[in-house]
Protein backbone atom coordinates (compact mmCIF):
# COMPACT_ATOMS: atom_id res chain seq x y z
CA UNK A 1 231.93 266.26 121.53
CA UNK A 2 230.34 262.97 122.63
CA UNK A 3 232.52 259.88 122.79
CA UNK A 4 231.30 256.35 123.41
CA UNK A 5 233.84 254.21 125.29
CA UNK A 6 233.86 250.48 124.61
CA UNK A 7 236.03 248.11 126.62
CA UNK A 8 236.58 244.74 125.01
CA UNK A 9 237.04 243.19 128.44
CA UNK A 10 234.41 242.12 130.95
CA UNK A 11 236.93 241.75 133.78
CA UNK A 12 236.32 244.06 136.74
CA UNK A 13 239.99 245.01 137.04
CA UNK A 14 240.56 245.14 133.29
CA UNK A 15 243.65 247.00 132.12
CA UNK A 16 241.69 248.15 129.07
CA UNK A 17 238.89 249.58 131.17
CA UNK A 18 241.59 251.30 133.23
CA UNK A 19 243.03 252.68 129.99
CA UNK A 20 239.60 254.07 129.08
CA UNK A 21 239.38 255.64 132.55
CA UNK A 22 242.69 257.34 131.74
CA UNK A 23 241.09 258.61 128.52
CA UNK A 24 238.27 260.18 130.54
CA UNK A 25 240.75 261.81 132.93
CA UNK A 26 242.96 263.04 130.09
CA UNK A 27 240.07 264.57 128.18
CA UNK A 28 238.69 266.52 131.11
CA UNK A 29 236.01 268.85 129.74
CA UNK A 30 237.12 268.49 126.09
CA UNK A 31 234.54 265.74 125.55
CA UNK A 32 231.59 264.03 127.16
CA UNK A 33 232.17 260.31 127.61
CA UNK A 34 229.58 257.57 127.90
CA UNK A 35 230.25 253.89 128.55
CA UNK A 36 228.87 251.02 126.48
CA UNK A 37 228.05 247.76 128.25
CA UNK A 38 228.75 245.01 125.74
CA UNK A 39 228.52 242.23 128.32
CA UNK A 40 224.73 242.56 128.22
CA UNK A 41 224.56 241.83 124.48
CA UNK A 42 223.40 238.24 123.78
CA UNK A 43 225.27 235.99 121.37
CA UNK A 44 224.56 236.94 117.78
CA UNK A 45 221.85 234.84 116.18
CA UNK A 46 220.46 235.94 112.84
CA UNK A 47 217.10 234.43 113.84
CA UNK A 48 216.84 237.22 116.44
CA UNK A 49 217.99 239.96 114.06
CA UNK A 50 214.61 240.98 112.72
CA UNK A 51 212.47 244.03 113.34
CA UNK A 52 212.53 243.41 117.09
CA UNK A 53 216.03 243.03 118.51
CA UNK A 54 217.19 242.28 122.07
CA UNK A 55 217.01 245.38 124.30
CA UNK A 56 220.77 245.40 124.92
CA UNK A 57 221.39 245.54 121.17
CA UNK A 58 218.94 248.41 120.66
CA UNK A 59 220.58 250.26 123.56
CA UNK A 60 224.10 249.80 122.14
CA UNK A 61 223.00 250.86 118.65
CA UNK A 62 221.37 253.98 120.07
CA UNK A 63 224.53 254.85 122.01
CA UNK A 64 226.68 254.48 118.90
CA UNK A 65 224.27 256.52 116.79
CA UNK A 66 224.24 259.30 119.41
CA UNK A 67 228.04 259.46 119.73
CA UNK A 68 230.24 261.68 117.61
CA UNK A 69 233.01 259.07 117.76
CA UNK A 70 234.01 255.81 119.44
CA UNK A 71 237.00 254.85 121.57
CA UNK A 72 237.58 251.09 121.74
CA UNK A 73 240.15 249.54 124.08
CA UNK A 74 240.68 245.84 123.54
CA UNK A 75 242.70 243.15 125.23
CA UNK A 76 244.40 240.51 123.12
CA UNK A 77 243.30 236.91 123.54
CA UNK A 78 245.32 234.39 121.49
CA UNK A 79 246.48 237.08 119.05
CA UNK A 80 242.94 238.37 118.50
CA UNK A 81 240.03 240.34 119.87
CA UNK A 82 237.81 238.90 122.61
CA UNK A 83 234.64 237.12 121.56
CA UNK A 84 232.47 239.55 123.53
CA UNK A 85 233.77 242.49 121.46
CA UNK A 86 233.40 240.68 118.13
CA UNK A 87 229.89 239.63 119.12
CA UNK A 88 228.86 243.20 119.92
CA UNK A 89 230.33 244.42 116.63
CA UNK A 90 228.47 241.69 114.73
CA UNK A 91 225.16 242.89 116.18
CA UNK A 92 225.69 246.60 115.54
CA UNK A 93 227.14 246.13 112.05
CA UNK A 94 223.71 245.32 110.62
CA UNK A 95 222.40 246.19 108.09
CA UNK A 96 225.61 245.79 106.14
CA UNK A 97 227.23 249.05 105.00
CA UNK A 98 224.36 251.11 106.44
CA UNK A 99 224.79 250.35 110.13
CA UNK A 100 225.41 252.77 112.99
CA UNK A 101 229.11 251.90 112.64
CA UNK A 102 229.36 253.09 109.04
CA UNK A 103 231.42 256.28 108.89
CA UNK A 104 231.67 256.53 112.71
CA UNK A 105 235.20 257.71 113.47
CA UNK A 106 236.94 255.43 115.94
CA UNK A 107 240.09 255.39 118.05
CA UNK A 108 241.66 252.01 118.84
CA UNK A 109 243.66 251.35 122.00
CA UNK A 110 244.95 248.28 123.78
CA UNK A 111 246.69 247.35 126.99
CA UNK A 112 248.25 244.02 127.82
CA UNK A 113 250.70 242.40 130.19
CA UNK A 114 252.66 241.24 127.15
CA UNK A 115 255.41 243.44 125.71
CA UNK A 116 253.39 243.74 122.47
CA UNK A 117 250.57 245.51 124.30
CA UNK A 118 247.75 243.96 122.30
CA UNK A 119 248.89 245.25 118.91
CA UNK A 120 247.86 242.03 117.14
CA UNK A 121 244.31 242.39 118.45
CA UNK A 122 244.25 245.91 117.04
CA UNK A 123 245.24 244.48 113.65
CA UNK A 124 242.34 242.06 113.75
CA UNK A 125 239.98 244.80 114.95
CA UNK A 126 241.02 246.99 112.01
CA UNK A 127 240.05 244.17 109.62
CA UNK A 128 236.64 243.82 111.24
CA UNK A 129 236.01 247.57 111.25
CA UNK A 130 237.07 247.92 107.60
CA UNK A 131 234.29 245.49 106.73
CA UNK A 132 231.75 247.74 108.47
CA UNK A 133 232.95 251.01 106.84
CA UNK A 134 234.13 252.25 110.23
CA UNK A 135 237.09 254.62 109.83
CA UNK A 136 239.74 254.28 112.51
CA UNK A 137 242.17 257.03 113.45
CA UNK A 138 245.17 256.84 111.09
CA UNK A 139 248.00 256.71 113.59
CA UNK A 140 250.46 254.08 114.78
CA UNK A 141 248.90 251.64 117.21
CA UNK A 142 248.57 252.91 120.77
CA UNK A 143 249.39 249.72 122.65
CA UNK A 144 250.41 249.72 126.30
CA UNK A 145 252.80 246.80 126.80
CA UNK A 146 253.66 245.60 130.31
CA UNK A 147 250.49 247.37 131.40
CA UNK A 148 250.43 245.68 134.81
CA UNK A 149 253.39 247.93 135.69
CA UNK A 150 251.80 251.13 134.35
CA UNK A 151 248.53 251.07 136.27
CA UNK A 152 247.93 250.95 140.01
CA UNK A 153 244.46 250.50 141.49
CA UNK A 154 242.92 251.27 138.09
CA UNK A 155 244.85 254.52 137.58
CA UNK A 156 247.47 255.15 134.91
CA UNK A 157 250.66 255.90 136.83
CA UNK A 158 253.23 255.91 134.03
CA UNK A 159 254.02 259.51 133.06
CA UNK A 160 255.37 258.66 129.60
CA UNK A 161 252.24 256.67 128.70
CA UNK A 162 250.02 259.42 130.08
CA UNK A 163 251.79 262.06 127.94
CA UNK A 164 251.56 259.92 124.79
CA UNK A 165 247.88 259.29 125.45
CA UNK A 166 247.23 263.01 125.85
CA UNK A 167 248.91 263.78 122.51
CA UNK A 168 246.98 260.99 120.80
CA UNK A 169 243.67 262.22 122.20
CA UNK A 170 244.34 265.80 121.12
CA UNK A 171 245.09 264.59 117.59
CA UNK A 172 242.04 262.31 117.57
CA UNK A 173 239.69 265.11 118.64
CA UNK A 174 241.09 267.35 115.90
CA UNK A 175 240.51 264.53 113.35
CA UNK A 176 236.93 263.95 114.44
């Protein structure tokens, strides 16, 4: 199975990128993982959304099309998803209801220093994905609160979180 990993953070030491690294480690040889680079995607402008699109957009669309499923990990900025993630989703959601996102099964994750773990961003992300016909895994939110205490040097060190993530991934793979 091919999974495309999308981090909603551009930060080098992002807790959400670290969470996706934990996904890769937890999956082992159960899936092949590829990383999307949404920081290369220019700001959405409908004037540039014709037959010829920016190369970074074409690349991201091809990655999504090629993947069996997506895993998105998003931080929470002011109770919502980061602009860079929304921007990338705006580009790849075209044409409406027939885009590469339509019917692409997706797992949502978040990690945050706050006790809520980014759960409000996941709520907003679910609204956006519903508008693109993107089904997300029907499970309670997987949100890592106090994440700064559960990762060290980019590695997930909290055993309880690691075990919960493993169970979630097993269930997600079975759903896909």
